[in-house]
Amino acid sequence: MDEHIVVSGDVAKFRGDIIDDNRNPLSWWTAKHNDYASREVIELLNLEYGFMEPSASEHLRFSRGAGWKRFLKERCYAQLPIGLRAFCYFLYRYVVRLGFFDTREAAAFHVLQGFWYRYLVDIKLHEVKCRMEEDGLGISEAIFEVLGVELHLPLKRAVNP
């Protein structure tokens, strides 16, 4: 999930690298990313249909790094055809960013996170949309049927022009 930490107050800069030495098995990672994929599908559906209030990260649009990434994701990546965008993202990571120079383990990570995860999001998104169209379900019902996520949607506030 493309989450970003928002801090109000002082921050410090560290010198050096932060290494995530996660030794959980692959099945743990794929289960975690399966859940993330469902959350991302809901975010993409909300971007398209606007059934929820904007997320707390909306103000990131005006920050430098995170805002630029969100802009690219919402205005470029999300507009590409389902399936193609996963392949394009993988090529970006593996070829353009020279991921093929990385270790065998890193190559597996590029495939899993750069292609498999993104393709999983696309297929889940397609599945929800098909359920809506073919079974005539509303968005909340389709999300629950396909993803097993129950949405408790508050009424959106009216926006004054």
C-alpha atoms as a PDB file:
ATOM      1  CA  MET A   1       0.000   0.000   0.000  1.00  0.00           C
ATOM      2  CA  ASP A   2       1.360   3.342  -0.916  1.00  0.00           C
ATOM      3  CA  GLU A   3       1.169   4.706   2.580  1.00  0.00           C
ATOM      4  CA  HIS A   4       3.024   7.789   3.709  1.00  0.00           C
ATOM      5  CA  ILE A   5       3.676   9.037   7.206  1.00  0.00           C
ATOM      6  CA  VAL A   6       2.528  12.566   7.928  1.00  0.00           C
ATOM      7  CA  VAL A   7       4.267  14.268  10.829  1.00  0.00           C
ATOM      8  CA  SER A   8       3.240  17.438  12.537  1.00  0.00           C
ATOM      9  CA  GLY A   9       6.203  18.743  14.450  1.00  0.00           C
ATOM     10  CA  ASP A  10       9.937  18.344  14.356  1.00  0.00           C
ATOM     11  CA  VAL A  11      11.656  15.638  12.336  1.00  0.00           C
ATOM     12  CA  ALA A  12      15.241  14.408  12.246  1.00  0.00           C
ATOM     13  CA  LYS A  13      17.323  13.054   9.399  1.00  0.00           C
ATOM     14  CA  PHE A  14      19.261   9.832   9.804  1.00  0.00           C
ATOM     15  CA  ARG A  15      22.570   9.153   8.128  1.00  0.00           C
ATOM     16  CA  GLY A  16      22.910   5.728   6.627  1.00  0.00           C
ATOM     17  CA  ASP A  17      20.400   3.111   5.601  1.00  0.00           C
ATOM     18  CA  ILE A  18      17.451   1.527   7.336  1.00  0.00           C
ATOM     19  CA  ILE A  19      17.433  -2.189   6.633  1.00  0.00           C
ATOM     20  CA  ASP A  20      14.234  -4.194   6.925  1.00  0.00           C
ATOM     21  CA  ASP A  21      15.524  -7.661   7.816  1.00  0.00           C
ATOM     22  CA  ASN A  22      12.143  -9.345   7.616  1.00  0.00           C
ATOM     23  CA  ARG A  23      12.535 -13.104   7.959  1.00  0.00           C
ATOM     24  CA  ASN A  24       8.884 -14.052   7.723  1.00  0.00           C
ATOM     25  CA  PRO A  25       8.106 -16.767   5.163  1.00  0.00           C
ATOM     26  CA  LEU A  26       6.815 -16.023   1.671  1.00  0.00           C
ATOM     27  CA  SER A  27       3.314 -17.229   2.603  1.00  0.00           C
ATOM     28  CA  TRP A  28       3.176 -14.491   5.296  1.00  0.00           C
ATOM     29  CA  TRP A  29       4.230 -11.874   2.734  1.00  0.00           C
ATOM     30  CA  THR A  30       1.716 -12.992   0.093  1.00  0.00           C
ATOM     31  CA  ALA A  31      -1.148 -13.098   2.634  1.00  0.00           C
ATOM     32  CA  LYS A  32      -0.248  -9.571   3.783  1.00  0.00           C
ATOM     33  CA  HIS A  33      -0.125  -8.311   0.207  1.00  0.00           C
ATOM     34  CA  ASN A  34      -3.390 -10.052  -0.647  1.00  0.00           C
ATOM     35  CA  ASP A  35      -5.009  -7.916   2.071  1.00  0.00           C
ATOM     36  CA  TYR A  36      -3.187  -4.806   0.813  1.00  0.00           C
ATOM     37  CA  ALA A  37      -4.444  -5.542  -2.711  1.00  0.00           C
ATOM     38  CA  SER A  38      -8.049  -5.553  -1.484  1.00  0.00           C
ATOM     39  CA  ARG A  39      -7.524  -2.195   0.233  1.00  0.00           C
ATOM     40  CA  GLU A  40      -5.947  -0.771  -2.902  1.00  0.00           C
ATOM     41  CA  VAL A  41      -8.877  -1.984  -5.021  1.00  0.00           C
ATOM     42  CA  ILE A  42     -11.242  -0.061  -2.753  1.00  0.00           C
ATOM     43  CA  GLU A  43      -9.030   3.017  -3.097  1.00  0.00           C
ATOM     44  CA  LEU A  44      -9.031   2.723  -6.919  1.00  0.00           C
ATOM     45  CA  LEU A  45     -12.798   2.203  -6.991  1.00  0.00           C
ATOM     46  CA  ASN A  46     -13.252   5.248  -4.791  1.00  0.00           C
ATOM     47  CA  LEU A  47     -11.034   7.243  -7.136  1.00  0.00           C
ATOM     48  CA  GLU A  48     -13.315   6.269 -10.013  1.00  0.00           C
ATOM     49  CA  TYR A  49     -16.750   6.329  -8.318  1.00  0.00           C
ATOM     50  CA  GLY A  50     -16.220   8.703  -5.361  1.00  0.00           C
ATOM     51  CA  PHE A  51     -18.319   6.749  -2.852  1.00  0.00           C
ATOM     52  CA  MET A  52     -16.218   7.691   0.211  1.00  0.00           C
ATOM     53  CA  GLU A  53     -14.782  10.877   1.596  1.00  0.00           C
ATOM     54  CA  PRO A  54     -11.239  11.523   0.361  1.00  0.00           C
ATOM     55  CA  SER A  55      -8.655   9.698   2.438  1.00  0.00           C
ATOM     56  CA  ALA A  56      -6.550  11.356   5.083  1.00  0.00           C
ATOM     57  CA  SER A  57      -3.671  11.350   2.617  1.00  0.00           C
ATOM     58  CA  GLU A  58      -5.381  13.837   0.287  1.00  0.00           C
ATOM     59  CA  HIS A  59      -3.240  16.674   1.592  1.00  0.00           C
ATOM     60  CA  LEU A  60      -0.168  14.786   0.322  1.00  0.00           C
ATOM     61  CA  ARG A  61      -0.975  16.134  -3.127  1.00  0.00           C
ATOM     62  CA  PHE A  62       0.811  19.299  -2.139  1.00  0.00           C
ATOM     63  CA  SER A  63       3.928  17.686  -0.700  1.00  0.00           C
ATOM     64  CA  ARG A  64       6.941  17.058  -2.889  1.00  0.00           C
ATOM     65  CA  GLY A  65       7.782  13.348  -3.037  1.00  0.00           C
ATOM     66  CA  ALA A  66       4.585  11.724  -1.830  1.00  0.00           C
ATOM     67  CA  GLY A  67       2.395  14.192  -3.720  1.00  0.00           C
ATOM     68  CA  TRP A  68       4.215  13.537  -6.980  1.00  0.00           C
ATOM     69  CA  LYS A  69       3.937   9.757  -6.515  1.00  0.00           C
ATOM     70  CA  ARG A  70       0.223  10.039  -5.749  1.00  0.00           C
ATOM     71  CA  PHE A  71      -0.278  12.234  -8.815  1.00  0.00           C
ATOM     72  CA  LEU A  72       1.487   9.684 -11.041  1.00  0.00           C
ATOM     73  CA  LYS A  73      -0.503   6.826  -9.523  1.00  0.00           C
ATOM     74  CA  GLU A  74      -3.892   8.506  -9.862  1.00  0.00           C
ATOM     75  CA  ARG A  75      -3.461  10.418 -13.138  1.00  0.00           C
ATOM     76  CA  CYS A  76      -1.152   8.110 -15.099  1.00  0.00           C
ATOM     77  CA  TYR A  77      -0.910   4.591 -13.671  1.00  0.00           C
ATOM     78  CA  ALA A  78      -4.630   4.248 -12.836  1.00  0.00           C
ATOM     79  CA  GLN A  79      -5.559   5.342 -16.364  1.00  0.00           C
ATOM     80  CA  LEU A  80      -3.626   2.512 -18.052  1.00  0.00           C
ATOM     81  CA  PRO A  81      -5.529  -0.640 -19.047  1.00  0.00           C
ATOM     82  CA  ILE A  82      -5.875  -3.340 -16.406  1.00  0.00           C
ATOM     83  CA  GLY A  83      -3.031  -5.845 -16.746  1.00  0.00           C
ATOM     84  CA  LEU A  84      -0.834  -3.581 -18.846  1.00  0.00           C
ATOM     85  CA  ARG A  85      -0.072  -1.312 -15.933  1.00  0.00           C
ATOM     86  CA  ALA A  86       1.352  -4.194 -13.861  1.00  0.00           C
ATOM     87  CA  PHE A  87       3.645  -5.125 -16.732  1.00  0.00           C
ATOM     88  CA  CYS A  88       4.707  -1.493 -17.266  1.00  0.00           C
ATOM     89  CA  TYR A  89       5.459  -1.022 -13.574  1.00  0.00           C
ATOM     90  CA  PHE A  90       7.525  -4.197 -13.502  1.00  0.00           C
ATOM     91  CA  LEU A  91       9.504  -3.057 -16.571  1.00  0.00           C
ATOM     92  CA  TYR A  92      10.086   0.309 -14.922  1.00  0.00           C
ATOM     93  CA  ARG A  93      11.465  -1.303 -11.765  1.00  0.00           C
ATOM     94  CA  TYR A  94      13.377  -4.145 -13.364  1.00  0.00           C
ATOM     95  CA  VAL A  95      14.693  -2.550 -16.556  1.00  0.00           C
ATOM     96  CA  VAL A  96      14.590   1.255 -16.242  1.00  0.00           C
ATOM     97  CA  ARG A  97      15.730   1.270 -12.589  1.00  0.00           C
ATOM     98  CA  LEU A  98      18.244  -1.523 -13.353  1.00  0.00           C
ATOM     99  CA  GLY A  99      16.697  -4.090 -11.013  1.00  0.00           C
ATOM    100  CA  PHE A 100      18.186  -6.858 -13.142  1.00  0.00           C
ATOM    101  CA  PHE A 101      21.552  -6.041 -11.526  1.00  0.00           C
ATOM    102  CA  ASP A 102      20.166  -6.999  -8.115  1.00  0.00           C
ATOM    103  CA  THR A 103      20.510 -10.366  -6.383  1.00  0.00           C
ATOM    104  CA  ARG A 104      18.329 -13.406  -7.084  1.00  0.00           C
ATOM    105  CA  GLU A 105      16.280 -12.628  -3.976  1.00  0.00           C
ATOM    106  CA  ALA A 106      15.814  -9.043  -5.133  1.00  0.00           C
ATOM    107  CA  ALA A 107      14.718 -10.282  -8.568  1.00  0.00           C
ATOM    108  CA  ALA A 108      12.063 -12.413  -6.869  1.00  0.00           C
ATOM    109  CA  PHE A 109      10.947  -9.341  -4.938  1.00  0.00           C
ATOM    110  CA  HIS A 110      10.725  -7.295  -8.159  1.00  0.00           C
ATOM    111  CA  VAL A 111       8.512  -9.970  -9.723  1.00  0.00           C
ATOM    112  CA  LEU A 112       6.329 -10.383  -6.640  1.00  0.00           C
ATOM    113  CA  GLN A 113       5.969  -6.740  -5.639  1.00  0.00           C
ATOM    114  CA  GLY A 114       6.421  -5.109  -9.037  1.00  0.00           C
ATOM    115  CA  PHE A 115       4.282  -7.460 -11.125  1.00  0.00           C
ATOM    116  CA  TRP A 116       2.378 -10.078  -9.088  1.00  0.00           C
ATOM    117  CA  TYR A 117       1.005  -7.619  -6.513  1.00  0.00           C
ATOM    118  CA  ARG A 118       0.023  -5.018  -9.117  1.00  0.00           C
ATOM    119  CA  TYR A 119      -1.581  -7.691 -11.304  1.00  0.00           C
ATOM    120  CA  LEU A 120      -3.447  -9.054  -8.275  1.00  0.00           C
ATOM    121  CA  VAL A 121      -4.878  -5.567  -7.657  1.00  0.00           C
ATOM    122  CA  ASP A 122      -5.938  -5.343 -11.310  1.00  0.00           C
ATOM    123  CA  ILE A 123      -7.629  -8.747 -11.331  1.00  0.00           C
ATOM    124  CA  LYS A 124      -9.463  -8.054  -8.063  1.00  0.00           C
ATOM    125  CA  LEU A 125     -10.566  -4.688  -9.472  1.00  0.00           C
ATOM    126  CA  HIS A 126     -11.823  -6.392 -12.626  1.00  0.00           C
ATOM    127  CA  GLU A 127     -13.631  -9.007 -10.542  1.00  0.00           C
ATOM    128  CA  VAL A 128     -15.467  -6.370  -8.478  1.00  0.00           C
ATOM    129  CA  LYS A 129     -16.486  -4.442 -11.601  1.00  0.00           C
ATOM    130  CA  CYS A 130     -17.719  -7.626 -13.285  1.00  0.00           C
ATOM    131  CA  ARG A 131     -19.774  -8.501 -10.212  1.00  0.00           C
ATOM    132  CA  MET A 132     -21.318  -5.044 -10.279  1.00  0.00           C
ATOM    133  CA  GLU A 133     -22.134  -5.267 -13.978  1.00  0.00           C
ATOM    134  CA  GLU A 134     -23.156  -8.918 -14.321  1.00  0.00           C
ATOM    135  CA  ASP A 135     -25.017  -9.328 -11.029  1.00  0.00           C
ATOM    136  CA  GLY A 136     -26.324  -5.769 -10.787  1.00  0.00           C
ATOM    137  CA  LEU A 137     -24.741  -5.265  -7.370  1.00  0.00           C
ATOM    138  CA  GLY A 138     -24.002  -1.899  -5.855  1.00  0.00           C
ATOM    139  CA  ILE A 139     -20.411  -1.059  -5.104  1.00  0.00           C
ATOM    140  CA  SER A 140     -20.589  -1.922  -1.394  1.00  0.00           C
ATOM    141  CA  GLU A 141     -22.235  -5.264  -2.108  1.00  0.00           C
ATOM    142  CA  ALA A 142     -19.756  -6.148  -4.862  1.00  0.00           C
ATOM    143  CA  ILE A 143     -16.806  -5.254  -2.645  1.00  0.00           C
ATOM    144  CA  PHE A 144     -18.196  -7.445   0.118  1.00  0.00           C
ATOM    145  CA  GLU A 145     -18.929 -10.368  -2.236  1.00  0.00           C
ATOM    146  CA  VAL A 146     -15.518 -10.312  -3.936  1.00  0.00           C
ATOM    147  CA  LEU A 147     -13.142  -8.945  -1.309  1.00  0.00           C
ATOM    148  CA  GLY A 148     -14.946  -9.867   1.887  1.00  0.00           C
ATOM    149  CA  VAL A 149     -14.699  -6.267   3.088  1.00  0.00           C
ATOM    150  CA  GLU A 150     -17.786  -4.695   4.595  1.00  0.00           C
ATOM    151  CA  LEU A 151     -17.914  -0.964   4.004  1.00  0.00           C
ATOM    152  CA  HIS A 152     -19.714   1.250   6.448  1.00  0.00           C
ATOM    153  CA  LEU A 153     -20.104   4.264   4.268  1.00  0.00           C
ATOM    154  CA  PRO A 154     -20.973   7.552   5.940  1.00  0.00           C
ATOM    155  CA  LEU A 155     -22.990   9.966   3.907  1.00  0.00           C
ATOM    156  CA  LYS A 156     -20.705  12.244   1.957  1.00  0.00           C
ATOM    157  CA  ARG A 157     -20.819  15.855   2.985  1.00  0.00           C
ATOM    158  CA  ALA A 158     -22.276  18.219   0.449  1.00  0.00           C
ATOM    159  CA  VAL A 159     -19.687  20.498  -1.075  1.00  0.00           C
ATOM    160  CA  ASN A 160     -20.690  24.135  -1.433  1.00  0.00           C
ATOM    161  CA  PRO A 161     -19.678  25.591  -4.805  1.00  0.00           C
END
